[in-house]
Amino acid sequence: MARLQSLSNILRDTRGTSSVEYGIILGMIVLVIFLAMQGLATETISMWDDVSTKSSDAINGK
């Protein structure tokens, strides 16, 4: 009976709920930052590849 009461108290306890919610929100923010950085990296690599191609063409007289 005491174990059932103890389990009931644990299930009704909401003190740690907000920290879990903050952790989930932080995880989603970090995920969005990583995705944005990946998109930025792709665009930056594409830009430098274009610069490299144009520089090589200019050097070779094309």
N, C-alpha and C. Protein backbone atom coordinates (compact mmCIF):
# COMPACT_ATOMS: atom_id res chain seq x y z
N MET A 1 0.82 -1.19 0.00
CA MET A 1 0.00 0.00 0.00
C MET A 1 0.87 1.26 0.00
N ALA A 2 1.96 1.23 0.74
CA ALA A 2 2.84 2.39 0.80
C ALA A 2 3.51 2.62 -0.55
N ARG A 3 3.83 1.54 -1.24
CA ARG A 3 4.45 1.69 -2.56
C ARG A 3 3.48 2.31 -3.55
N LEU A 4 2.22 1.93 -3.46
CA LEU A 4 1.21 2.49 -4.35
C LEU A 4 1.04 3.98 -4.08
N GLN A 5 1.04 4.37 -2.82
CA GLN A 5 0.94 5.78 -2.46
C GLN A 5 2.17 6.55 -2.95
N SER A 6 3.36 5.95 -2.79
CA SER A 6 4.59 6.58 -3.24
C SER A 6 4.59 6.75 -4.76
N LEU A 7 4.15 5.74 -5.50
CA LEU A 7 4.07 5.82 -6.95
C LEU A 7 3.07 6.89 -7.38
N SER A 8 1.96 6.97 -6.66
CA SER A 8 0.95 8.00 -6.95
C SER A 8 1.52 9.40 -6.74
N ASN A 9 2.30 9.58 -5.69
CA ASN A 9 2.91 10.88 -5.43
C ASN A 9 3.91 11.25 -6.52
N ILE A 10 4.68 10.28 -6.98
CA ILE A 10 5.66 10.54 -8.03
C ILE A 10 4.96 10.94 -9.32
N LEU A 11 3.89 10.25 -9.67
CA LEU A 11 3.18 10.55 -10.91
C LEU A 11 2.50 11.92 -10.88
N ARG A 12 2.09 12.37 -9.70
CA ARG A 12 1.43 13.67 -9.59
C ARG A 12 2.40 14.83 -9.44
N ASP A 13 3.67 14.54 -9.20
CA ASP A 13 4.69 15.57 -9.01
C ASP A 13 4.99 16.26 -10.35
N THR A 14 4.88 17.57 -10.38
CA THR A 14 5.09 18.32 -11.63
C THR A 14 6.26 19.30 -11.52
N ARG A 15 7.10 19.17 -10.52
CA ARG A 15 8.20 20.11 -10.34
C ARG A 15 9.24 20.04 -11.44
N GLY A 16 9.51 18.87 -12.00
CA GLY A 16 10.52 18.75 -13.05
C GLY A 16 9.99 18.96 -14.45
N THR A 17 8.70 19.18 -14.57
CA THR A 17 8.08 19.29 -15.89
C THR A 17 8.62 20.46 -16.68
N SER A 18 8.75 21.61 -16.06
CA SER A 18 9.19 22.79 -16.81
C SER A 18 10.63 22.64 -17.29
N SER A 19 11.48 21.99 -16.52
CA SER A 19 12.86 21.81 -16.97
C SER A 19 12.91 20.86 -18.17
N VAL A 20 12.06 19.86 -18.20
CA VAL A 20 11.99 18.96 -19.35
C VAL A 20 11.50 19.73 -20.57
N GLU A 21 10.50 20.56 -20.39
CA GLU A 21 9.98 21.36 -21.50
C GLU A 21 11.04 22.33 -22.02
N TYR A 22 11.79 22.95 -21.13
CA TYR A 22 12.87 23.84 -21.56
C TYR A 22 13.94 23.07 -22.33
N GLY A 23 14.23 21.86 -21.89
CA GLY A 23 15.20 21.03 -22.59
C GLY A 23 14.74 20.68 -24.00
N ILE A 24 13.47 20.38 -24.16
CA ILE A 24 12.92 20.07 -25.48
C ILE A 24 12.97 21.31 -26.37
N ILE A 25 12.61 22.45 -25.83
CA ILE A 25 12.65 23.70 -26.61
C ILE A 25 14.10 24.01 -27.02
N LEU A 26 15.03 23.85 -26.10
CA LEU A 26 16.44 24.09 -26.41
C LEU A 26 16.92 23.14 -27.50
N GLY A 27 16.53 21.89 -27.42
CA GLY A 27 16.90 20.91 -28.44
C GLY A 27 16.37 21.30 -29.81
N MET A 28 15.14 21.79 -29.87
CA MET A 28 14.57 22.21 -31.16
C MET A 28 15.30 23.44 -31.71
N ILE A 29 15.66 24.36 -30.83
CA ILE A 29 16.40 25.55 -31.27
C ILE A 29 17.76 25.15 -31.83
N VAL A 30 18.46 24.25 -31.15
CA VAL A 30 19.76 23.79 -31.63
C VAL A 30 19.62 23.09 -32.98
N LEU A 31 18.57 22.29 -33.15
CA LEU A 31 18.33 21.62 -34.42
C LEU A 31 18.11 22.62 -35.55
N VAL A 32 17.34 23.66 -35.30
CA VAL A 32 17.10 24.69 -36.31
C VAL A 32 18.40 25.42 -36.65
N ILE A 33 19.22 25.70 -35.65
CA ILE A 33 20.51 26.37 -35.90
C ILE A 33 21.39 25.49 -36.76
N PHE A 34 21.46 24.18 -36.46
CA PHE A 34 22.28 23.28 -37.28
C PHE A 34 21.79 23.22 -38.72
N LEU A 35 20.47 23.16 -38.90
CA LEU A 35 19.93 23.12 -40.26
C LEU A 35 20.21 24.41 -41.02
N ALA A 36 20.11 25.53 -40.34
CA ALA A 36 20.40 26.82 -40.98
C ALA A 36 21.88 26.91 -41.35
N MET A 37 22.75 26.44 -40.47
CA MET A 37 24.18 26.47 -40.75
C MET A 37 24.53 25.55 -41.92
N GLN A 38 23.85 24.41 -42.01
CA GLN A 38 24.10 23.50 -43.12
C GLN A 38 23.69 24.15 -44.44
N GLY A 39 22.55 24.82 -44.47
CA GLY A 39 22.13 25.53 -45.67
C GLY A 39 23.09 26.64 -46.04
N LEU A 40 23.55 27.36 -45.05
CA LEU A 40 24.52 28.43 -45.29
C LEU A 40 25.84 27.87 -45.81
N ALA A 41 26.28 26.75 -45.27
CA ALA A 41 27.52 26.14 -45.71
C ALA A 41 27.41 25.68 -47.17
N THR A 42 26.27 25.13 -47.53
CA THR A 42 26.06 24.69 -48.91
C THR A 42 26.14 25.87 -49.87
N GLU A 43 25.49 26.97 -49.52
CA GLU A 43 25.53 28.16 -50.36
C GLU A 43 26.94 28.75 -50.45
N THR A 44 27.65 28.75 -49.33
CA THR A 44 29.01 29.29 -49.31
C THR A 44 29.95 28.45 -50.17
N ILE A 45 29.85 27.15 -50.08
CA ILE A 45 30.68 26.26 -50.89
C ILE A 45 30.38 26.48 -52.37
N SER A 46 29.12 26.61 -52.70
CA SER A 46 28.72 26.87 -54.09
C SER A 46 29.31 28.19 -54.59
N MET A 47 29.26 29.22 -53.75
CA MET A 47 29.80 30.52 -54.13
C MET A 47 31.31 30.44 -54.38
N TRP A 48 32.05 29.78 -53.48
CA TRP A 48 33.50 29.69 -53.65
C TRP A 48 33.88 28.81 -54.84
N ASP A 49 33.07 27.79 -55.13
CA ASP A 49 33.32 27.00 -56.34
C ASP A 49 33.16 27.86 -57.59
N ASP A 50 32.15 28.71 -57.58
CA ASP A 50 31.93 29.62 -58.71
C ASP A 50 33.09 30.61 -58.85
N VAL A 51 33.56 31.16 -57.74
CA VAL A 51 34.70 32.08 -57.75
C VAL A 51 35.94 31.37 -58.29
N SER A 52 36.17 30.14 -57.85
CA SER A 52 37.32 29.37 -58.31
C SER A 52 37.26 29.12 -59.81
N THR A 53 36.08 28.75 -60.30
CA THR A 53 35.91 28.49 -61.73
C THR A 53 36.15 29.75 -62.55
N LYS A 54 35.58 30.86 -62.10
CA LYS A 54 35.76 32.12 -62.83
C LYS A 54 37.21 32.59 -62.78
N SER A 55 37.89 32.38 -61.67
CA SER A 55 39.30 32.76 -61.56
C SER A 55 40.15 31.91 -62.50
N SER A 56 39.90 30.62 -62.52
CA SER A 56 40.65 29.74 -63.41
C SER A 56 40.41 30.10 -64.87
N ASP A 57 39.15 30.41 -65.21
CA ASP A 57 38.84 30.82 -66.58
C ASP A 57 39.56 32.12 -66.95
N ALA A 58 39.61 33.05 -66.02
CA ALA A 58 40.28 34.33 -66.28
C ALA A 58 41.79 34.16 -66.45
N ILE A 59 42.36 33.30 -65.63
CA ILE A 59 43.80 33.04 -65.71
C ILE A 59 44.15 32.36 -67.03
N ASN A 60 43.30 31.42 -67.44
CA ASN A 60 43.55 30.66 -68.67
C ASN A 60 43.11 31.39 -69.93
N GLY A 61 42.53 32.57 -69.80
CA GLY A 61 42.13 33.38 -70.94
C GLY A 61 40.86 32.91 -71.64
N LYS A 62 39.98 32.29 -70.92
CA LYS A 62 38.72 31.83 -71.52
C LYS A 62 37.65 32.89 -71.45
